[in-house]
Amino acid sequence: MACLTGTKLVKPCAPLPYNVWAKQPAIKALVDKEYQLAHPTGRVDCNVLRDICSKLYNKMVPDVEKIYWRKQAIEEGKAAVTEWEQNLLRPPARDPESRQLLVIDVLSFKNTLLSSF
């Protein structure tokens, strides 16, 4: 079903409040600056980035404002679940590009299945 509709099988969950808070442009710049100091080279380390966002959120955001960010995270989570459910209910796409992607997915699934024997 996921191949036919283009929808992920995993139900989305609500983001953490500090991740919603960190999406603001001014905060994002601050997080990026802190990340460059903590992890100057190489690929992005999600654990370091998460720790930085969490520390800055706990240090900079007052408790009263944290309630607002919790509500925002819950709303984003509900919106993501609603969109996911609507995508599951829509009919399969019939355009040639979607059909080609389905064929590729079926072939990769078949190869994975056959290689396990």
C-alpha atoms as a PDB file:
ATOM      1  CA  MET A   1       0.000   0.000   0.000  1.00  0.00           C
ATOM      2  CA  ALA A   2       2.812   2.399   0.809  1.00  0.00           C
ATOM      3  CA  CYS A   3       4.315   1.840  -2.634  1.00  0.00           C
ATOM      4  CA  LEU A   4       1.011   2.584  -4.319  1.00  0.00           C
ATOM      5  CA  THR A   5       0.220   5.764  -2.402  1.00  0.00           C
ATOM      6  CA  GLY A   6       3.733   7.046  -1.761  1.00  0.00           C
ATOM      7  CA  THR A   7       2.989   7.223   1.965  1.00  0.00           C
ATOM      8  CA  LYS A   8       5.330   5.958   4.661  1.00  0.00           C
ATOM      9  CA  LEU A   9       4.153   2.947   6.633  1.00  0.00           C
ATOM     10  CA  VAL A  10       5.286   4.438   9.936  1.00  0.00           C
ATOM     11  CA  LYS A  11       2.854   6.772  11.632  1.00  0.00           C
ATOM     12  CA  PRO A  12       4.529  10.146  12.302  1.00  0.00           C
ATOM     13  CA  CYS A  13       4.953  11.281  15.890  1.00  0.00           C
ATOM     14  CA  ALA A  14       4.944  14.726  17.464  1.00  0.00           C
ATOM     15  CA  PRO A  15       8.272  16.563  17.438  1.00  0.00           C
ATOM     16  CA  LEU A  16       9.979  17.503  20.666  1.00  0.00           C
ATOM     17  CA  PRO A  17       9.285  21.046  21.886  1.00  0.00           C
ATOM     18  CA  TYR A  18      12.925  22.119  21.626  1.00  0.00           C
ATOM     19  CA  ASN A  19      13.027  21.021  17.979  1.00  0.00           C
ATOM     20  CA  VAL A  20       9.991  23.179  17.186  1.00  0.00           C
ATOM     21  CA  TRP A  21      11.618  26.071  19.082  1.00  0.00           C
ATOM     22  CA  ALA A  22      14.908  25.621  17.204  1.00  0.00           C
ATOM     23  CA  LYS A  23      13.222  26.081  13.800  1.00  0.00           C
ATOM     24  CA  GLN A  24      12.980  29.865  14.315  1.00  0.00           C
ATOM     25  CA  PRO A  25      15.546  31.673  12.117  1.00  0.00           C
ATOM     26  CA  ALA A  26      17.262  33.539  14.985  1.00  0.00           C
ATOM     27  CA  ILE A  27      17.457  30.404  17.125  1.00  0.00           C
ATOM     28  CA  LYS A  28      18.592  28.288  14.181  1.00  0.00           C
ATOM     29  CA  ALA A  29      21.520  30.658  13.632  1.00  0.00           C
ATOM     30  CA  LEU A  30      22.457  30.396  17.315  1.00  0.00           C
ATOM     31  CA  VAL A  31      22.232  26.598  17.244  1.00  0.00           C
ATOM     32  CA  ASP A  32      24.375  26.470  14.094  1.00  0.00           C
ATOM     33  CA  LYS A  33      26.993  28.707  15.740  1.00  0.00           C
ATOM     34  CA  GLU A  34      27.100  26.524  18.858  1.00  0.00           C
ATOM     35  CA  TYR A  35      27.283  23.399  16.701  1.00  0.00           C
ATOM     36  CA  GLN A  36      30.278  24.757  14.763  1.00  0.00           C
ATOM     37  CA  LEU A  37      32.084  25.355  18.050  1.00  0.00           C
ATOM     38  CA  ALA A  38      31.283  21.884  19.380  1.00  0.00           C
ATOM     39  CA  HIS A  39      31.708  19.916  16.147  1.00  0.00           C
ATOM     40  CA  PRO A  40      33.747  21.942  13.612  1.00  0.00           C
ATOM     41  CA  THR A  41      34.384  19.339  10.899  1.00  0.00           C
ATOM     42  CA  GLY A  42      32.828  16.332   9.259  1.00  0.00           C
ATOM     43  CA  ARG A  43      29.278  15.212   8.797  1.00  0.00           C
ATOM     44  CA  VAL A  44      26.383  16.421  10.897  1.00  0.00           C
ATOM     45  CA  ASP A  45      26.185  14.576  14.203  1.00  0.00           C
ATOM     46  CA  CYS A  46      22.506  14.468  15.151  1.00  0.00           C
ATOM     47  CA  ASN A  47      23.242  13.570  18.769  1.00  0.00           C
ATOM     48  CA  VAL A  48      25.421  16.644  19.265  1.00  0.00           C
ATOM     49  CA  LEU A  49      22.846  18.820  17.526  1.00  0.00           C
ATOM     50  CA  ARG A  50      20.060  17.420  19.703  1.00  0.00           C
ATOM     51  CA  ASP A  51      22.074  18.032  22.871  1.00  0.00           C
ATOM     52  CA  ILE A  52      22.818  21.622  21.850  1.00  0.00           C
ATOM     53  CA  CYS A  53      19.157  22.338  21.066  1.00  0.00           C
ATOM     54  CA  SER A  54      18.049  20.807  24.349  1.00  0.00           C
ATOM     55  CA  LYS A  55      20.598  22.723  26.446  1.00  0.00           C
ATOM     56  CA  LEU A  56      19.844  26.055  24.786  1.00  0.00           C
ATOM     57  CA  TYR A  57      16.101  25.464  25.122  1.00  0.00           C
ATOM     58  CA  ASN A  58      16.359  24.657  28.817  1.00  0.00           C
ATOM     59  CA  LYS A  59      18.700  27.580  29.451  1.00  0.00           C
ATOM     60  CA  MET A  60      16.988  30.289  27.385  1.00  0.00           C
ATOM     61  CA  VAL A  61      13.264  29.525  27.459  1.00  0.00           C
ATOM     62  CA  PRO A  62      11.269  30.392  30.594  1.00  0.00           C
ATOM     63  CA  ASP A  63       8.861  27.776  31.971  1.00  0.00           C
ATOM     64  CA  VAL A  64       5.802  29.788  30.928  1.00  0.00           C
ATOM     65  CA  GLU A  65       6.995  29.847  27.323  1.00  0.00           C
ATOM     66  CA  LYS A  66       7.780  26.115  27.391  1.00  0.00           C
ATOM     67  CA  ILE A  67       4.044  25.433  27.677  1.00  0.00           C
ATOM     68  CA  TYR A  68       3.543  27.293  24.387  1.00  0.00           C
ATOM     69  CA  TRP A  69       6.246  25.251  22.648  1.00  0.00           C
ATOM     70  CA  ARG A  70       4.767  21.992  23.978  1.00  0.00           C
ATOM     71  CA  LYS A  71       1.400  22.969  22.498  1.00  0.00           C
ATOM     72  CA  GLN A  72       3.046  23.871  19.188  1.00  0.00           C
ATOM     73  CA  ALA A  73       4.792  20.474  19.075  1.00  0.00           C
ATOM     74  CA  ILE A  74       1.512  18.671  19.768  1.00  0.00           C
ATOM     75  CA  GLU A  75      -0.244  20.659  17.020  1.00  0.00           C
ATOM     76  CA  GLU A  76       2.534  19.864  14.527  1.00  0.00           C
ATOM     77  CA  GLY A  77       2.280  16.189  15.461  1.00  0.00           C
ATOM     78  CA  LYS A  78      -1.500  16.180  14.988  1.00  0.00           C
ATOM     79  CA  ALA A  79      -1.147  17.923  11.621  1.00  0.00           C
ATOM     80  CA  ALA A  80       1.441  15.363  10.484  1.00  0.00           C
ATOM     81  CA  VAL A  81      -0.790  12.439  11.542  1.00  0.00           C
ATOM     82  CA  THR A  82      -3.814  13.985   9.803  1.00  0.00           C
ATOM     83  CA  GLU A  83      -1.843  14.448   6.576  1.00  0.00           C
ATOM     84  CA  TRP A  84      -0.493  10.888   6.843  1.00  0.00           C
ATOM     85  CA  GLU A  85      -4.007   9.468   7.301  1.00  0.00           C
ATOM     86  CA  GLN A  86      -5.338  11.461   4.343  1.00  0.00           C
ATOM     87  CA  ASN A  87      -2.488  10.202   2.180  1.00  0.00           C
ATOM     88  CA  LEU A  88      -3.289   6.610   3.151  1.00  0.00           C
ATOM     89  CA  LEU A  89      -6.932   7.071   2.162  1.00  0.00           C
ATOM     90  CA  ARG A  90      -6.316   8.679  -1.222  1.00  0.00           C
ATOM     91  CA  PRO A  91      -6.438   6.462  -4.311  1.00  0.00           C
ATOM     92  CA  PRO A  92      -3.190   5.203  -5.826  1.00  0.00           C
ATOM     93  CA  ALA A  93      -1.517   7.477  -8.342  1.00  0.00           C
ATOM     94  CA  ARG A  94      -1.903   6.475 -11.978  1.00  0.00           C
ATOM     95  CA  ASP A  95       0.674   8.687 -13.650  1.00  0.00           C
ATOM     96  CA  PRO A  96       3.603   6.961 -15.421  1.00  0.00           C
ATOM     97  CA  GLU A  97       6.237   8.256 -12.977  1.00  0.00           C
ATOM     98  CA  SER A  98       4.425   6.728 -10.001  1.00  0.00           C
ATOM     99  CA  ARG A  99       3.963   3.441 -11.807  1.00  0.00           C
ATOM    100  CA  GLN A 100       7.667   3.341 -12.648  1.00  0.00           C
ATOM    101  CA  LEU A 101       8.560   3.953  -8.988  1.00  0.00           C
ATOM    102  CA  LEU A 102       6.228   1.122  -8.017  1.00  0.00           C
ATOM    103  CA  VAL A 103       7.941  -1.242 -10.471  1.00  0.00           C
ATOM    104  CA  ILE A 104      11.356  -0.282  -9.059  1.00  0.00           C
ATOM    105  CA  ASP A 105      10.125  -0.820  -5.487  1.00  0.00           C
ATOM    106  CA  VAL A 106       8.654  -4.221  -6.366  1.00  0.00           C
ATOM    107  CA  LEU A 107      11.899  -5.268  -8.042  1.00  0.00           C
ATOM    108  CA  SER A 108      14.011  -4.225  -5.062  1.00  0.00           C
ATOM    109  CA  PHE A 109      11.619  -6.054  -2.723  1.00  0.00           C
ATOM    110  CA  LYS A 110      11.795  -9.162  -4.909  1.00  0.00           C
ATOM    111  CA  ASN A 111      15.601  -9.059  -4.999  1.00  0.00           C
ATOM    112  CA  THR A 112      15.781  -8.686  -1.223  1.00  0.00           C
ATOM    113  CA  LEU A 113      13.384 -11.576  -0.763  1.00  0.00           C
ATOM    114  CA  LEU A 114      15.220 -13.865  -3.179  1.00  0.00           C
ATOM    115  CA  SER A 115      18.659 -13.058  -1.764  1.00  0.00           C
ATOM    116  CA  SER A 116      17.578 -14.235   1.681  1.00  0.00           C
ATOM    117  CA  PHE A 117      17.175 -17.836   0.462  1.00  0.00           C
END
